Amino acid sequence: MKEIAIELSDSLASKQLLKILSIGGKITKAPSEMSIMLNGLRYYCMEVTMDSESYIIQGFEKEAVLLYNNAMSFLADKNRF
């Protein structure tokens, strides 16, 4: 499993998610809630799979919110059709 770590100042997690999904990847694990760490930071972590390889995409604070919203929107759209 490969891990894609996102720093607080980066805004790449959502772009990475969308890129992986656009080239045939699938969301394999996406918690329905965001986590709050003991230090109070918001955190979101999900797994996507592409070509039999799993990747972890994670974000903190604002990036966690964006990643969570994008994942939930994608899954909701997928379930509509």
PDB file of N, CA and C in Angstrom:
ATOM      1  N   MET A   1       0.846  -1.174   0.000  1.00  0.00           N
ATOM      2  CA  MET A   1       0.000   0.000   0.000  1.00  0.00           C
ATOM      3  C   MET A   1       0.890   1.234   0.000  1.00  0.00           C
ATOM      4  N   LYS A   2       0.618   2.170  -0.895  1.00  0.00           N
ATOM      5  CA  LYS A   2       1.384   3.405  -0.958  1.00  0.00           C
ATOM      6  C   LYS A   2       0.627   4.491  -0.227  1.00  0.00           C
ATOM      7  N   GLU A   3       1.362   5.349   0.441  1.00  0.00           N
ATOM      8  CA  GLU A   3       0.733   6.419   1.206  1.00  0.00           C
ATOM      9  C   GLU A   3       1.059   7.756   0.575  1.00  0.00           C
ATOM     10  N   ILE A   4       0.040   8.573   0.427  1.00  0.00           N
ATOM     11  CA  ILE A   4       0.213   9.917  -0.094  1.00  0.00           C
ATOM     12  C   ILE A   4      -0.081  10.872   1.056  1.00  0.00           C
ATOM     13  N   ALA A   5       0.952  11.459   1.629  1.00  0.00           N
ATOM     14  CA  ALA A   5       0.780  12.354   2.770  1.00  0.00           C
ATOM     15  C   ALA A   5       0.607  13.785   2.281  1.00  0.00           C
ATOM     16  N   ILE A   6      -0.278  14.502   2.919  1.00  0.00           N
ATOM     17  CA  ILE A   6      -0.561  15.879   2.539  1.00  0.00           C
ATOM     18  C   ILE A   6      -0.223  16.792   3.713  1.00  0.00           C
ATOM     19  N   GLU A   7       0.590  17.784   3.471  1.00  0.00           N
ATOM     20  CA  GLU A   7       0.926  18.767   4.483  1.00  0.00           C
ATOM     21  C   GLU A   7      -0.236  19.747   4.641  1.00  0.00           C
ATOM     22  N   LEU A   8      -0.261  20.459   5.764  1.00  0.00           N
ATOM     23  CA  LEU A   8      -1.328  21.420   6.017  1.00  0.00           C
ATOM     24  C   LEU A   8      -1.429  22.475   4.926  1.00  0.00           C
ATOM     25  N   SER A   9      -0.311  22.900   4.377  1.00  0.00           N
ATOM     26  CA  SER A   9      -0.334  23.982   3.400  1.00  0.00           C
ATOM     27  C   SER A   9      -0.616  23.504   1.977  1.00  0.00           C
ATOM     28  N   ASP A  10      -0.549  22.209   1.727  1.00  0.00           N
ATOM     29  CA  ASP A  10      -0.797  21.686   0.381  1.00  0.00           C
ATOM     30  C   ASP A  10      -2.287  21.636   0.089  1.00  0.00           C
ATOM     31  N   SER A  11      -2.607  21.616  -1.180  1.00  0.00           N
ATOM     32  CA  SER A  11      -4.001  21.454  -1.579  1.00  0.00           C
ATOM     33  C   SER A  11      -4.093  20.392  -2.671  1.00  0.00           C
ATOM     34  N   LEU A  12      -3.327  19.325  -2.513  1.00  0.00           N
ATOM     35  CA  LEU A  12      -3.222  18.322  -3.559  1.00  0.00           C
ATOM     36  C   LEU A  12      -4.096  17.086  -3.362  1.00  0.00           C
ATOM     37  N   ALA A  13      -4.543  16.800  -2.157  1.00  0.00           N
ATOM     38  CA  ALA A  13      -5.249  15.543  -1.903  1.00  0.00           C
ATOM     39  C   ALA A  13      -6.480  15.375  -2.783  1.00  0.00           C
ATOM     40  N   SER A  14      -7.286  16.397  -2.874  1.00  0.00           N
ATOM     41  CA  SER A  14      -8.491  16.302  -3.699  1.00  0.00           C
ATOM     42  C   SER A  14      -8.141  16.147  -5.171  1.00  0.00           C
ATOM     43  N   LYS A  15      -7.115  16.869  -5.627  1.00  0.00           N
ATOM     44  CA  LYS A  15      -6.671  16.737  -7.013  1.00  0.00           C
ATOM     45  C   LYS A  15      -6.150  15.329  -7.284  1.00  0.00           C
ATOM     46  N   GLN A  16      -5.405  14.769  -6.324  1.00  0.00           N
ATOM     47  CA  GLN A  16      -4.886  13.416  -6.487  1.00  0.00           C
ATOM     48  C   GLN A  16      -6.028  12.408  -6.539  1.00  0.00           C
ATOM     49  N   LEU A  17      -7.025  12.597  -5.679  1.00  0.00           N
ATOM     50  CA  LEU A  17      -8.183  11.718  -5.686  1.00  0.00           C
ATOM     51  C   LEU A  17      -8.867  11.759  -7.042  1.00  0.00           C
ATOM     52  N   LEU A  18      -9.159  12.953  -7.533  1.00  0.00           N
ATOM     53  CA  LEU A  18      -9.854  13.088  -8.805  1.00  0.00           C
ATOM     54  C   LEU A  18      -9.029  12.529  -9.963  1.00  0.00           C
ATOM     55  N   LYS A  19      -7.724  12.718  -9.917  1.00  0.00           N
ATOM     56  CA  LYS A  19      -6.862  12.180 -10.974  1.00  0.00           C
ATOM     57  C   LYS A  19      -6.896  10.657 -10.980  1.00  0.00           C
ATOM     58  N   ILE A  20      -6.765  10.048  -9.810  1.00  0.00           N
ATOM     59  CA  ILE A  20      -6.788   8.587  -9.723  1.00  0.00           C
ATOM     60  C   ILE A  20      -8.129   8.043 -10.197  1.00  0.00           C
ATOM     61  N   LEU A  21      -9.215   8.689  -9.798  1.00  0.00           N
ATOM     62  CA  LEU A  21     -10.544   8.226 -10.206  1.00  0.00           C
ATOM     63  C   LEU A  21     -10.754   8.409 -11.706  1.00  0.00           C
ATOM     64  N   SER A  22     -10.188   9.462 -12.277  1.00  0.00           N
ATOM     65  CA  SER A  22     -10.381   9.721 -13.701  1.00  0.00           C
ATOM     66  C   SER A  22      -9.639   8.729 -14.596  1.00  0.00           C
ATOM     67  N   ILE A  23      -8.641   8.053 -14.057  1.00  0.00           N
ATOM     68  CA  ILE A  23      -7.905   7.077 -14.867  1.00  0.00           C
ATOM     69  C   ILE A  23      -8.225   5.644 -14.457  1.00  0.00           C
ATOM     70  N   GLY A  24      -9.393   5.462 -13.846  1.00  0.00           N
ATOM     71  CA  GLY A  24      -9.885   4.120 -13.578  1.00  0.00           C
ATOM     72  C   GLY A  24      -9.773   3.632 -12.153  1.00  0.00           C
ATOM     73  N   GLY A  25      -9.264   4.455 -11.256  1.00  0.00           N
ATOM     74  CA  GLY A  25      -9.184   4.055  -9.856  1.00  0.00           C
ATOM     75  C   GLY A  25     -10.557   4.035  -9.203  1.00  0.00           C
ATOM     76  N   LYS A  26     -10.637   3.375  -8.062  1.00  0.00           N
ATOM     77  CA  LYS A  26     -11.897   3.274  -7.320  1.00  0.00           C
ATOM     78  C   LYS A  26     -11.653   3.572  -5.846  1.00  0.00           C
ATOM     79  N   ILE A  27     -12.636   4.192  -5.215  1.00  0.00           N
ATOM     80  CA  ILE A  27     -12.581   4.392  -3.771  1.00  0.00           C
ATOM     81  C   ILE A  27     -12.909   3.058  -3.120  1.00  0.00           C
ATOM     82  N   THR A  28     -12.009   2.542  -2.305  1.00  0.00           N
ATOM     83  CA  THR A  28     -12.245   1.252  -1.661  1.00  0.00           C
ATOM     84  C   THR A  28     -12.572   1.387  -0.180  1.00  0.00           C
ATOM     85  N   LYS A  29     -12.106   2.444   0.466  1.00  0.00           N
ATOM     86  CA  LYS A  29     -12.463   2.709   1.865  1.00  0.00           C
ATOM     87  C   LYS A  29     -12.556   4.214   2.055  1.00  0.00           C
ATOM     88  N   ALA A  30     -13.725   4.664   2.479  1.00  0.00           N
ATOM     89  CA  ALA A  30     -13.930   6.095   2.728  1.00  0.00           C
ATOM     90  C   ALA A  30     -14.851   6.238   3.934  1.00  0.00           C
ATOM     91  N   PRO A  31     -14.292   6.550   5.092  1.00  0.00           N
ATOM     92  CA  PRO A  31     -15.129   6.715   6.282  1.00  0.00           C
ATOM     93  C   PRO A  31     -16.206   7.769   6.053  1.00  0.00           C
ATOM     94  N   SER A  32     -17.351   7.564   6.642  1.00  0.00           N
ATOM     95  CA  SER A  32     -18.468   8.496   6.466  1.00  0.00           C
ATOM     96  C   SER A  32     -18.379   9.698   7.396  1.00  0.00           C
ATOM     97  N   GLU A  33     -17.344   9.728   8.238  1.00  0.00           N
ATOM     98  CA  GLU A  33     -17.150  10.868   9.132  1.00  0.00           C
ATOM     99  C   GLU A  33     -15.680  11.259   9.159  1.00  0.00           C
ATOM    100  N   MET A  34     -15.436  12.521   9.410  1.00  0.00           N
ATOM    101  CA  MET A  34     -14.082  13.013   9.569  1.00  0.00           C
ATOM    102  C   MET A  34     -13.645  12.765  11.013  1.00  0.00           C
ATOM    103  N   SER A  35     -12.377  12.549  11.225  1.00  0.00           N
ATOM    104  CA  SER A  35     -11.853  12.327  12.573  1.00  0.00           C
ATOM    105  C   SER A  35     -11.331  13.625  13.167  1.00  0.00           C
ATOM    106  N   ILE A  36     -11.378  13.699  14.484  1.00  0.00           N
ATOM    107  CA  ILE A  36     -10.747  14.790  15.218  1.00  0.00           C
ATOM    108  C   ILE A  36      -9.648  14.152  16.053  1.00  0.00           C
ATOM    109  N   MET A  37      -8.398  14.577  15.817  1.00  0.00           N
ATOM    110  CA  MET A  37      -7.271  14.009  16.538  1.00  0.00           C
ATOM    111  C   MET A  37      -7.241  14.549  17.966  1.00  0.00           C
ATOM    112  N   LEU A  38      -6.446  13.924  18.828  1.00  0.00           N
ATOM    113  CA  LEU A  38      -6.357  14.358  20.223  1.00  0.00           C
ATOM    114  C   LEU A  38      -5.896  15.811  20.363  1.00  0.00           C
ATOM    115  N   ASN A  39      -5.123  16.292  19.414  1.00  0.00           N
ATOM    116  CA  ASN A  39      -4.668  17.682  19.465  1.00  0.00           C
ATOM    117  C   ASN A  39      -5.666  18.650  18.846  1.00  0.00           C
ATOM    118  N   GLY A  40      -6.834  18.149  18.426  1.00  0.00           N
ATOM    119  CA  GLY A  40      -7.900  18.988  17.902  1.00  0.00           C
ATOM    120  C   GLY A  40      -7.907  19.165  16.390  1.00  0.00           C
ATOM    121  N   LEU A  41      -6.913  18.641  15.693  1.00  0.00           N
ATOM    122  CA  LEU A  41      -6.879  18.766  14.238  1.00  0.00           C
ATOM    123  C   LEU A  41      -7.901  17.844  13.585  1.00  0.00           C
ATOM    124  N   ARG A  42      -8.560  18.359  12.557  1.00  0.00           N
ATOM    125  CA  ARG A  42      -9.448  17.524  11.751  1.00  0.00           C
ATOM    126  C   ARG A  42      -8.586  16.691  10.815  1.00  0.00           C
ATOM    127  N   TYR A  43      -8.997  15.445  10.598  1.00  0.00           N
ATOM    128  CA  TYR A  43      -8.205  14.514   9.810  1.00  0.00           C
ATOM    129  C   TYR A  43      -9.144  13.633   8.995  1.00  0.00           C
ATOM    130  N   TYR A  44      -8.775  13.388   7.740  1.00  0.00           N
ATOM    131  CA  TYR A  44      -9.539  12.459   6.923  1.00  0.00           C
ATOM    132  C   TYR A  44      -8.565  11.616   6.120  1.00  0.00           C
ATOM    133  N   CYS A  45      -8.832  10.333   6.087  1.00  0.00           N
ATOM    134  CA  CYS A  45      -7.969   9.378   5.416  1.00  0.00           C
ATOM    135  C   CYS A  45      -8.854   8.398   4.659  1.00  0.00           C
ATOM    136  N   MET A  46      -8.484   8.131   3.412  1.00  0.00           N
ATOM    137  CA  MET A  46      -9.269   7.198   2.612  1.00  0.00           C
ATOM    138  C   MET A  46      -8.338   6.335   1.775  1.00  0.00           C
ATOM    139  N   GLU A  47      -8.886   5.244   1.252  1.00  0.00           N
ATOM    140  CA  GLU A  47      -8.103   4.342   0.411  1.00  0.00           C
ATOM    141  C   GLU A  47      -8.707   4.299  -0.977  1.00  0.00           C
ATOM    142  N   VAL A  48      -7.853   4.377  -1.974  1.00  0.00           N
ATOM    143  CA  VAL A  48      -8.269   4.192  -3.360  1.00  0.00           C
ATOM    144  C   VAL A  48      -7.416   3.083  -3.954  1.00  0.00           C
ATOM    145  N   THR A  49      -7.982   2.376  -4.926  1.00  0.00           N
ATOM    146  CA  THR A  49      -7.276   1.269  -5.557  1.00  0.00           C
ATOM    147  C   THR A  49      -7.251   1.485  -7.061  1.00  0.00           C
ATOM    148  N   MET A  50      -6.077   1.220  -7.632  1.00  0.00           N
ATOM    149  CA  MET A  50      -5.910   1.332  -9.069  1.00  0.00           C
ATOM    150  C   MET A  50      -4.902   0.273  -9.498  1.00  0.00           C
ATOM    151  N   ASP A  51      -5.251  -0.504 -10.512  1.00  0.00           N
ATOM    152  CA  ASP A  51      -4.354  -1.549 -11.025  1.00  0.00           C
ATOM    153  C   ASP A  51      -3.862  -2.473  -9.906  1.00  0.00           C
ATOM    154  N   SER A  52      -4.760  -2.900  -9.052  1.00  0.00           N
ATOM    155  CA  SER A  52      -4.471  -3.817  -7.948  1.00  0.00           C
ATOM    156  C   SER A  52      -3.517  -3.247  -6.899  1.00  0.00           C
ATOM    157  N   GLU A  53      -3.283  -1.950  -6.916  1.00  0.00           N
ATOM    158  CA  GLU A  53      -2.468  -1.307  -5.894  1.00  0.00           C
ATOM    159  C   GLU A  53      -3.340  -0.355  -5.103  1.00  0.00           C
ATOM    160  N   SER A  54      -3.169  -0.371  -3.781  1.00  0.00           N
ATOM    161  CA  SER A  54      -3.935   0.508  -2.905  1.00  0.00           C
ATOM    162  C   SER A  54      -3.104   1.716  -2.528  1.00  0.00           C
ATOM    163  N   TYR A  55      -3.775   2.861  -2.453  1.00  0.00           N
ATOM    164  CA  TYR A  55      -3.139   4.112  -2.081  1.00  0.00           C
ATOM    165  C   TYR A  55      -3.948   4.749  -0.958  1.00  0.00           C
ATOM    166  N   ILE A  56      -3.242   5.329  -0.004  1.00  0.00           N
ATOM    167  CA  ILE A  56      -3.880   6.071   1.075  1.00  0.00           C
ATOM    168  C   ILE A  56      -3.736   7.557   0.751  1.00  0.00           C
ATOM    169  N   ILE A  57      -4.841   8.262   0.786  1.00  0.00           N
ATOM    170  CA  ILE A  57      -4.824   9.713   0.610  1.00  0.00           C
ATOM    171  C   ILE A  57      -5.358  10.299   1.909  1.00  0.00           C
ATOM    172  N   GLN A  58      -4.600  11.226   2.475  1.00  0.00           N
ATOM    173  CA  GLN A  58      -5.014  11.808   3.740  1.00  0.00           C
ATOM    174  C   GLN A  58      -4.843  13.312   3.719  1.00  0.00           C
ATOM    175  N   GLY A  59      -5.623  13.965   4.559  1.00  0.00           N
ATOM    176  CA  GLY A  59      -5.538  15.413   4.663  1.00  0.00           C
ATOM    177  C   GLY A  59      -5.807  15.861   6.081  1.00  0.00           C
ATOM    178  N   PHE A  60      -5.321  17.032   6.401  1.00  0.00           N
ATOM    179  CA  PHE A  60      -5.511  17.626   7.722  1.00  0.00           C
ATOM    180  C   PHE A  60      -6.176  18.990   7.559  1.00  0.00           C
ATOM    181  N   GLU A  61      -7.007  19.324   8.514  1.00  0.00           N
ATOM    182  CA  GLU A  61      -7.688  20.618   8.580  1.00  0.00           C
ATOM    183  C   GLU A  61      -8.456  20.933   7.301  1.00  0.00           C
ATOM    184  N   LYS A  62      -8.183  22.045   6.624  1.00  0.00           N
ATOM    185  CA  LYS A  62      -8.963  22.440   5.448  1.00  0.00           C
ATOM    186  C   LYS A  62      -8.886  21.381   4.352  1.00  0.00           C
ATOM    187  N   GLU A  63      -7.720  20.793   4.191  1.00  0.00           N
ATOM    188  CA  GLU A  63      -7.570  19.752   3.173  1.00  0.00           C
ATOM    189  C   GLU A  63      -8.418  18.531   3.522  1.00  0.00           C
ATOM    190  N   ALA A  64      -8.550  18.222   4.788  1.00  0.00           N
ATOM    191  CA  ALA A  64      -9.388  17.102   5.221  1.00  0.00           C
ATOM    192  C   ALA A  64     -10.847  17.357   4.853  1.00  0.00           C
ATOM    193  N   VAL A  65     -11.294  18.580   5.065  1.00  0.00           N
ATOM    194  CA  VAL A  65     -12.676  18.938   4.741  1.00  0.00           C
ATOM    195  C   VAL A  65     -12.916  18.818   3.239  1.00  0.00           C
ATOM    196  N   LEU A  66     -12.000  19.353   2.435  1.00  0.00           N
ATOM    197  CA  LEU A  66     -12.138  19.270   0.977  1.00  0.00           C
ATOM    198  C   LEU A  66     -12.121  17.820   0.498  1.00  0.00           C
ATOM    199  N   LEU A  67     -11.206  17.034   1.020  1.00  0.00           N
ATOM    200  CA  LEU A  67     -11.098  15.632   0.632  1.00  0.00           C
ATOM    201  C   LEU A  67     -12.365  14.873   1.005  1.00  0.00           C
ATOM    202  N   TYR A  68     -12.845  15.090   2.219  1.00  0.00           N
ATOM    203  CA  TYR A  68     -14.076  14.443   2.689  1.00  0.00           C
ATOM    204  C   TYR A  68     -15.260  14.830   1.797  1.00  0.00           C
ATOM    205  N   ASN A  69     -15.412  16.125   1.537  1.00  0.00           N
ATOM    206  CA  ASN A  69     -16.536  16.592   0.714  1.00  0.00           C
ATOM    207  C   ASN A  69     -16.468  16.013  -0.694  1.00  0.00           C
ATOM    208  N   ASN A  70     -15.278  15.983  -1.291  1.00  0.00           N
ATOM    209  CA  ASN A  70     -15.134  15.414  -2.629  1.00  0.00           C
ATOM    210  C   ASN A  70     -15.445  13.925  -2.642  1.00  0.00           C
ATOM    211  N   ALA A  71     -14.952  13.207  -1.653  1.00  0.00           N
ATOM    212  CA  ALA A  71     -15.205  11.760  -1.587  1.00  0.00           C
ATOM    213  C   ALA A  71     -16.695  11.478  -1.421  1.00  0.00           C
ATOM    214  N   MET A  72     -17.345  12.200  -0.518  1.00  0.00           N
ATOM    215  CA  MET A  72     -18.773  11.970  -0.277  1.00  0.00           C
ATOM    216  C   MET A  72     -19.601  12.360  -1.502  1.00  0.00           C
ATOM    217  N   SER A  73     -19.229  13.439  -2.173  1.00  0.00           N
ATOM    218  CA  SER A  73     -19.942  13.845  -3.391  1.00  0.00           C
ATOM    219  C   SER A  73     -19.794  12.797  -4.486  1.00  0.00           C
ATOM    220  N   PHE A  74     -18.582  12.316  -4.664  1.00  0.00           N
ATOM    221  CA  PHE A  74     -18.342  11.301  -5.680  1.00  0.00           C
ATOM    222  C   PHE A  74     -19.148  10.043  -5.381  1.00  0.00           C
ATOM    223  N   LEU A  75     -19.117   9.599  -4.130  1.00  0.00           N
ATOM    224  CA  LEU A  75     -19.861   8.375  -3.769  1.00  0.00           C
ATOM    225  C   LEU A  75     -21.364   8.580  -3.905  1.00  0.00           C
ATOM    226  N   ALA A  76     -21.859   9.764  -3.562  1.00  0.00           N
ATOM    227  CA  ALA A  76     -23.293  10.047  -3.699  1.00  0.00           C
ATOM    228  C   ALA A  76     -23.692  10.054  -5.175  1.00  0.00           C
ATOM    229  N   ASP A  77     -22.884  10.677  -6.026  1.00  0.00           N
ATOM    230  CA  ASP A  77     -23.161  10.698  -7.470  1.00  0.00           C
ATOM    231  C   ASP A  77     -23.120   9.290  -8.035  1.00  0.00           C
ATOM    232  N   LYS A  78     -22.161   8.511  -7.607  1.00  0.00           N
ATOM    233  CA  LYS A  78     -22.017   7.139  -8.086  1.00  0.00           C
ATOM    234  C   LYS A  78     -23.255   6.305  -7.727  1.00  0.00           C
ATOM    235  N   ASN A  79     -23.793   6.532  -6.537  1.00  0.00           N
ATOM    236  CA  ASN A  79     -24.953   5.763  -6.071  1.00  0.00           C
ATOM    237  C   ASN A  79     -26.262   6.217  -6.719  1.00  0.00           C
ATOM    238  N   ARG A  80     -26.268   7.412  -7.311  1.00  0.00           N
ATOM    239  CA  ARG A  80     -27.483   7.915  -7.964  1.00  0.00           C
ATOM    240  C   ARG A  80     -27.748   7.216  -9.284  1.00  0.00           C
ATOM    241  N   PHE A  81     -26.710   6.753  -9.950  1.00  0.00           N
ATOM    242  CA  PHE A  81     -26.873   6.188 -11.297  1.00  0.00           C
ATOM    243  C   PHE A  81     -26.856   4.695 -11.282  1.00  0.00           C
TER     244      PHE A  81
END
